[in-house]
Amino acid sequence: MQLLYVSRHAADHWLVDALRQMGHVAEAAEWSAETAALAEADGHDLILADMPRPLAAEAADLLAGSTPVVVVADAARPDERAAILRAGADDCLTRPLHLIEVQTRLMALVRTADRHRPSPAARAGLRLDRVARSLVVGDQHALLSPLEFQLAAYLLRREGQVVEAARLDAHLAGISAEPRPERIRGLVARLRAKLGRDLGLRLIHSVPGHGYVLRWDAAPASRIAD
């Protein structure tokens, strides 16, 4: 999962490190007038936001966006938490933060978003099993490595959209990692082979000069060419 943590609390940056260790791509950013636009443009799956008080204009813009937002607040009263949710937040966590609760809440939000996202693949029964780390369609399933699962999840959440290889590489290796296009080519080839073998489908297609797209096709993998 690609996460953005927006905060003025430097002490909470341990959370970014912990989420990275759990396999997420997590970035930290400071509040600014451009925060909401940057979050949307970079294609984050979810935003953790240390919400300023009173609610600033940039916070309102963030809550109005299409990316799910989990607000991190100081020990807030029930009426304060309710106000945060009414303002547009998808969930609210209060300090002190407990990593197991943060992880569980984030995964629950992603599952809910996946269930409510209409797409040809979802309508055909293709889904991610995050517990078994597999891609499932009907009674068939493909067990994936951690990197394969991250790649499949990222593309599935952007079904039908062409994703640049550089963005995939940054998502999997981290923004600060040295770009290595061959890393993505090799991973895509392995994932394609596994999905073709275990599910009989070719889901990931190359778009020369642009990147990759996950597209639902009911034809057998052997009949689909890039």
Protein backbone atom coordinates (compact mmCIF):
# COMPACT_ATOMS: atom_id res chain seq x y z
CA MET A 1 0.00 0.00 0.00
CA GLN A 2 1.29 3.51 -0.80
CA LEU A 3 0.74 5.84 2.15
CA LEU A 4 1.33 9.52 2.77
CA TYR A 5 1.69 10.77 6.35
CA VAL A 6 1.08 14.50 6.67
CA SER A 7 2.14 15.89 10.01
CA ARG A 8 3.63 18.70 12.04
CA HIS A 9 4.70 16.24 14.74
CA ALA A 10 8.26 15.07 14.09
CA ALA A 11 7.91 12.65 17.00
CA ASP A 12 5.34 10.62 15.05
CA HIS A 13 7.72 9.85 12.18
CA TRP A 14 8.47 6.52 13.87
CA LEU A 15 5.12 5.50 12.39
CA VAL A 16 6.44 6.02 8.85
CA ASP A 17 9.44 3.79 9.59
CA ALA A 18 7.22 1.13 11.17
CA LEU A 19 4.84 1.08 8.19
CA ARG A 20 7.80 0.73 5.83
CA GLN A 21 9.04 -2.25 7.82
CA MET A 22 5.59 -3.83 7.41
CA GLY A 23 5.96 -3.65 3.63
CA HIS A 24 4.13 -0.42 2.85
CA VAL A 25 5.53 2.43 0.80
CA ALA A 26 5.21 5.28 3.29
CA GLU A 27 6.24 8.90 2.83
CA ALA A 28 6.16 11.85 5.20
CA ALA A 29 5.18 15.38 4.24
CA GLU A 30 4.62 18.69 5.99
CA TRP A 31 1.34 20.57 5.80
CA SER A 32 1.24 23.16 3.03
CA ALA A 33 -1.20 24.71 0.60
CA GLU A 34 -0.11 22.15 -2.01
CA THR A 35 -0.54 19.05 0.20
CA ALA A 36 -3.91 17.98 -1.18
CA ALA A 37 -2.88 18.40 -4.82
CA LEU A 38 0.36 16.50 -4.28
CA ALA A 39 -1.44 13.64 -2.54
CA GLU A 40 -3.84 13.24 -5.46
CA ALA A 41 -1.16 13.56 -8.15
CA ASP A 42 1.15 10.97 -6.59
CA GLY A 43 -1.54 8.30 -6.53
CA HIS A 44 -1.42 7.38 -2.84
CA ASP A 45 -3.79 4.64 -1.69
CA LEU A 46 -4.40 6.28 1.67
CA ILE A 47 -3.42 9.39 3.64
CA LEU A 48 -2.69 9.60 7.36
CA ALA A 49 -3.18 13.21 8.40
CA ASP A 50 -2.23 14.88 11.66
CA MET A 51 -5.10 17.33 11.47
CA PRO A 52 -4.35 20.95 12.41
CA ARG A 53 -6.70 22.80 14.74
CA PRO A 54 -8.68 24.75 13.85
CA LEU A 55 -9.38 23.08 10.54
CA ALA A 56 -7.17 24.89 8.03
CA ALA A 57 -8.02 25.42 4.36
CA GLU A 58 -5.42 22.87 3.22
CA ALA A 59 -6.93 20.28 5.59
CA ALA A 60 -10.40 20.91 4.16
CA ASP A 61 -9.03 20.45 0.64
CA LEU A 62 -7.41 17.15 1.66
CA LEU A 63 -10.63 15.81 3.17
CA ALA A 64 -12.55 16.79 0.02
CA GLY A 65 -10.26 14.73 -2.23
CA SER A 66 -10.83 11.25 -3.58
CA THR A 67 -8.05 9.55 -1.59
CA PRO A 68 -9.20 7.99 1.74
CA VAL A 69 -7.99 9.97 4.76
CA VAL A 70 -7.38 8.70 8.29
CA VAL A 71 -7.01 11.55 10.75
CA VAL A 72 -4.53 11.26 13.63
CA ALA A 73 -5.66 13.47 16.52
CA ASP A 74 -4.74 14.14 20.10
CA ALA A 75 -7.05 12.62 22.69
CA ALA A 76 -10.25 14.00 21.19
CA ARG A 77 -13.67 14.02 22.80
CA PRO A 78 -16.48 12.08 21.08
CA ASP A 79 -17.96 15.30 19.70
CA GLU A 80 -14.54 16.31 18.29
CA ARG A 81 -14.09 12.93 16.61
CA ALA A 82 -17.60 13.20 15.20
CA ALA A 83 -16.77 16.65 13.78
CA ILE A 84 -13.65 15.24 12.10
CA LEU A 85 -15.70 12.48 10.46
CA ARG A 86 -18.40 14.93 9.38
CA ALA A 87 -15.70 17.09 7.78
CA GLY A 88 -14.90 14.21 5.43
CA ALA A 89 -12.39 11.93 7.18
CA ASP A 90 -12.83 8.20 6.62
CA ASP A 91 -11.59 7.28 10.10
CA CYS A 92 -10.01 8.85 13.17
CA LEU A 93 -7.17 7.57 15.36
CA THR A 94 -6.23 9.18 18.64
CA ARG A 95 -2.89 9.33 20.42
CA PRO A 96 -1.19 7.41 21.87
CA LEU A 97 -1.00 5.41 18.65
CA HIS A 98 -0.71 1.62 18.75
CA LEU A 99 0.81 0.08 15.63
CA ILE A 100 -1.41 -3.02 15.59
CA GLU A 101 -4.53 -0.80 15.65
CA VAL A 102 -3.16 1.52 12.97
CA GLN A 103 -2.35 -1.41 10.66
CA THR A 104 -5.74 -3.08 11.24
CA ARG A 105 -7.70 0.12 10.63
CA LEU A 106 -5.78 0.89 7.44
CA MET A 107 -6.30 -2.60 6.02
CA ALA A 108 -10.01 -2.46 6.89
CA LEU A 109 -10.37 0.83 5.01
CA VAL A 110 -8.62 -0.59 1.96
CA ARG A 111 -10.85 -3.69 2.00
CA THR A 112 -13.93 -1.45 2.14
CA ALA A 113 -12.65 0.67 -0.75
CA ASP A 114 -11.93 -2.45 -2.79
CA ARG A 115 -15.47 -3.78 -2.24
CA HIS A 116 -17.06 -0.52 -3.38
CA ARG A 117 -14.89 -0.01 -6.44
CA PRO A 118 -16.90 -1.12 -9.52
CA SER A 119 -14.66 -2.57 -12.20
CA PRO A 120 -14.76 -5.36 -14.80
CA ALA A 121 -12.30 -7.41 -12.73
CA ALA A 122 -14.33 -7.02 -9.53
CA ARG A 123 -17.57 -7.87 -11.31
CA ALA A 124 -15.89 -10.99 -12.69
CA GLY A 125 -14.93 -12.06 -9.16
CA LEU A 126 -11.22 -11.19 -9.23
CA ARG A 127 -10.09 -10.18 -5.75
CA LEU A 128 -7.09 -9.87 -3.48
CA ASP A 129 -6.81 -12.16 -0.47
CA ARG A 130 -4.60 -10.09 1.82
CA VAL A 131 -4.38 -12.80 4.49
CA ALA A 132 -3.24 -15.56 2.13
CA ARG A 133 -1.37 -13.04 -0.05
CA SER A 134 -2.97 -14.30 -3.23
CA LEU A 135 -5.02 -13.21 -6.22
CA VAL A 136 -8.28 -15.13 -6.46
CA VAL A 137 -10.89 -15.64 -9.17
CA GLY A 138 -13.61 -18.21 -8.62
CA ASP A 139 -12.06 -21.31 -7.04
CA GLN A 140 -8.62 -20.59 -8.48
CA HIS A 141 -5.91 -18.70 -6.66
CA ALA A 142 -2.35 -17.60 -7.33
CA LEU A 143 -0.06 -17.37 -4.30
CA LEU A 144 2.21 -14.35 -4.65
CA SER A 145 5.50 -13.21 -3.17
CA PRO A 146 5.39 -9.97 -1.11
CA LEU A 147 6.63 -7.88 -4.07
CA GLU A 148 4.33 -9.62 -6.54
CA PHE A 149 1.39 -8.97 -4.22
CA GLN A 150 2.27 -5.28 -3.86
CA LEU A 151 2.54 -4.93 -7.63
CA ALA A 152 -0.76 -6.74 -8.27
CA ALA A 153 -2.55 -4.69 -5.60
CA TYR A 154 -1.21 -1.39 -6.96
CA LEU A 155 -2.26 -2.16 -10.53
CA LEU A 156 -5.61 -3.65 -9.52
CA ARG A 157 -6.52 -0.48 -7.62
CA ARG A 158 -5.76 1.39 -10.86
CA GLU A 159 -7.43 -1.06 -13.21
CA GLY A 160 -7.56 0.28 -16.76
CA GLN A 161 -5.02 3.03 -16.06
CA VAL A 162 -1.57 2.97 -17.61
CA VAL A 163 1.04 3.23 -14.84
CA GLU A 164 4.57 4.32 -15.70
CA ALA A 165 7.34 1.85 -14.92
CA ALA A 166 9.14 4.56 -12.94
CA ARG A 167 6.13 5.04 -10.68
CA LEU A 168 5.85 1.29 -10.10
CA ASP A 169 9.54 1.15 -9.27
CA ALA A 170 9.21 4.04 -6.81
CA HIS A 171 6.17 2.39 -5.22
CA LEU A 172 7.94 -0.92 -4.67
CA ALA A 173 11.46 0.24 -3.87
CA GLY A 174 10.75 3.59 -2.25
CA ILE A 175 10.96 7.13 -3.55
CA SER A 176 14.59 7.52 -2.48
CA ALA A 177 15.80 4.28 -4.11
CA GLU A 178 17.90 4.41 -7.25
CA PRO A 179 15.64 3.84 -10.30
CA ARG A 180 16.10 0.42 -11.87
CA PRO A 181 13.68 -0.24 -14.77
CA GLU A 182 14.93 -3.80 -15.16
CA ARG A 183 13.66 -4.55 -11.64
CA ILE A 184 10.09 -3.84 -12.77
CA ARG A 185 10.45 -5.71 -16.07
CA GLY A 186 11.61 -8.83 -14.27
CA LEU A 187 8.90 -8.62 -11.61
CA VAL A 188 6.14 -8.07 -14.19
CA ALA A 189 7.39 -11.05 -16.20
CA ARG A 190 7.31 -13.32 -13.14
CA LEU A 191 3.87 -12.12 -12.08
CA ARG A 192 2.46 -12.56 -15.59
CA ALA A 193 3.82 -16.10 -15.77
CA LYS A 194 2.34 -16.99 -12.37
CA LEU A 195 -1.10 -15.53 -13.16
CA GLY A 196 -1.16 -17.24 -16.54
CA ARG A 197 -0.20 -20.59 -15.02
CA ASP A 198 -2.43 -20.48 -11.92
CA LEU A 199 -5.43 -18.46 -13.16
CA GLY A 200 -5.17 -19.00 -16.90
CA LEU A 201 -5.46 -15.26 -17.52
CA ARG A 202 -3.25 -12.51 -18.90
CA LEU A 203 -4.08 -9.49 -16.78
CA ILE A 204 -1.03 -7.23 -17.05
CA HIS A 205 -0.33 -5.67 -20.43
CA SER A 206 2.60 -3.60 -21.66
CA VAL A 207 2.00 -0.20 -23.23
CA PRO A 208 5.26 0.47 -25.13
CA GLY A 209 6.86 3.74 -24.17
CA HIS A 210 4.40 4.31 -21.33
CA GLY A 211 4.23 1.49 -18.79
CA TYR A 212 1.82 -1.22 -17.74
CA VAL A 213 -1.93 -1.61 -17.34
CA LEU A 214 -4.02 -4.23 -15.57
CA ARG A 215 -7.02 -5.01 -17.74
CA TRP A 216 -9.59 -7.72 -17.27
CA ASP A 217 -9.77 -10.18 -20.17
CA ALA A 218 -11.68 -13.43 -20.05
CA ALA A 219 -9.60 -15.02 -22.80
CA PRO A 220 -6.96 -17.60 -21.79
CA ALA A 221 -3.46 -16.25 -21.25
CA SER A 222 -2.12 -18.13 -24.23
CA ARG A 223 -4.43 -16.20 -26.54
CA ILE A 224 -3.60 -12.73 -25.33
CA ALA A 225 -0.70 -10.82 -26.79
CA ASP A 226 0.65 -7.43 -25.69
